């Protein structure tokens, strides 16, 4: 297994953002399929040629002839899954690229534009871009192992397979604070927390951009939570169409620290021995570092108006992948089994929620999904796609005023 960490320029993604900021509407039209693309689909038995039942013995035999599989992943846990895959399928090497979501998407787009066929498996989030841009433009193809069809709800099987729901939360240092030091997202706009909240910039995190879009969708809840926090009705600035935009403006005015990664933000919050640690908005799955004894933090799941925001992480086969059969094996591996085993084991942690039904066990220390759902929202990919450019524009304008 080869583990590679890429630091890519995000020229194409930034280009898309610039177009969006300029007010252009990205096209959803699907390009006509080339002869090469149609032949690849037929040979790989994907798309319209996908059989109802997969012959795994034949797929594995073909995968061994291919000899390797290349995975573009946004998770730092992909090397562990790759290692177990190689142990299960000797003779098939894994090239697992550990990148951020923006870099994964940029790499797939750049290779598609250059007609470079290197990657096999796409494994990342950013629902608006994935569902309303990459899938319609046939950069990715859906593949659902036939034995899992009955175990995964349709909303998580189409148009692209979801591997798990991740969770965005606010975390605090539990060595300093025995209970959450905040009760509301509005508390992050108070002078007490000025310059003391870490978050990955929405220009570098599709998940955070989609989280902001989710806030805007639920703006009425932000208005009511403002009244709870400050004891009066909210008064909107002229450039804020609703309470969620007002929160974004006030949050940016309070000088948040833009972290390079969720790992950096987690370290800043959870390192032991601090007297005045910051807060951070990160992926709840980072809680595995607490369970391993590396950091001390807890999620503030009861903050108003929402304690957590779920986001989708997708698996797909990259268009004209050179190793389609090995890609199918890898996707089945990453979906795991009913006890969180196989390739799902690194993701069987608190904060990550499998989409397959009938799980026989749950991760130690995990808040049950049924409980967390009562205090969480889920990213709406369509809403985030339609409103993302407007939020980016507003974000940039208010960053400049800081």
Foldseek 3Di string as FASTA:
>chain_A
DAEDEDDDDLVVLVVVLVCLLVPDDDDQAADDDDPLLVVLCCVLCFDVRPDLADDLVVLLVLLLVLQEAEEEEQDPCVVVLQVLLCVVRPRYHYYYYHYHQSVLVSVLVVCVVVVNFAHWKYKFFLLQCVPRPCVSHQQWTADDHNVQPVFFDPVCRPPFHFLWKWKKFKKAFCVQPVADPAAALLVLLDLLQQQFEEEADCSRHSVVLLVLLVCVVVQVQLQVVVCVVPVDGDDDDPVQPGNSLVSLLSNLVSNYHHDPALVRNQCQRWAPDDNRGGMYIHIPQVCVCVVVVNGGMDTNQNHPPAGIEITTIGMTTGRPHSNSSVSNVSVVQCSADLACDGSSVVVQGARIGGRTPNRPDHHPPHDDPVVNVVRYHYRDNVSSNVCSSVVVSSNVVSNVVD
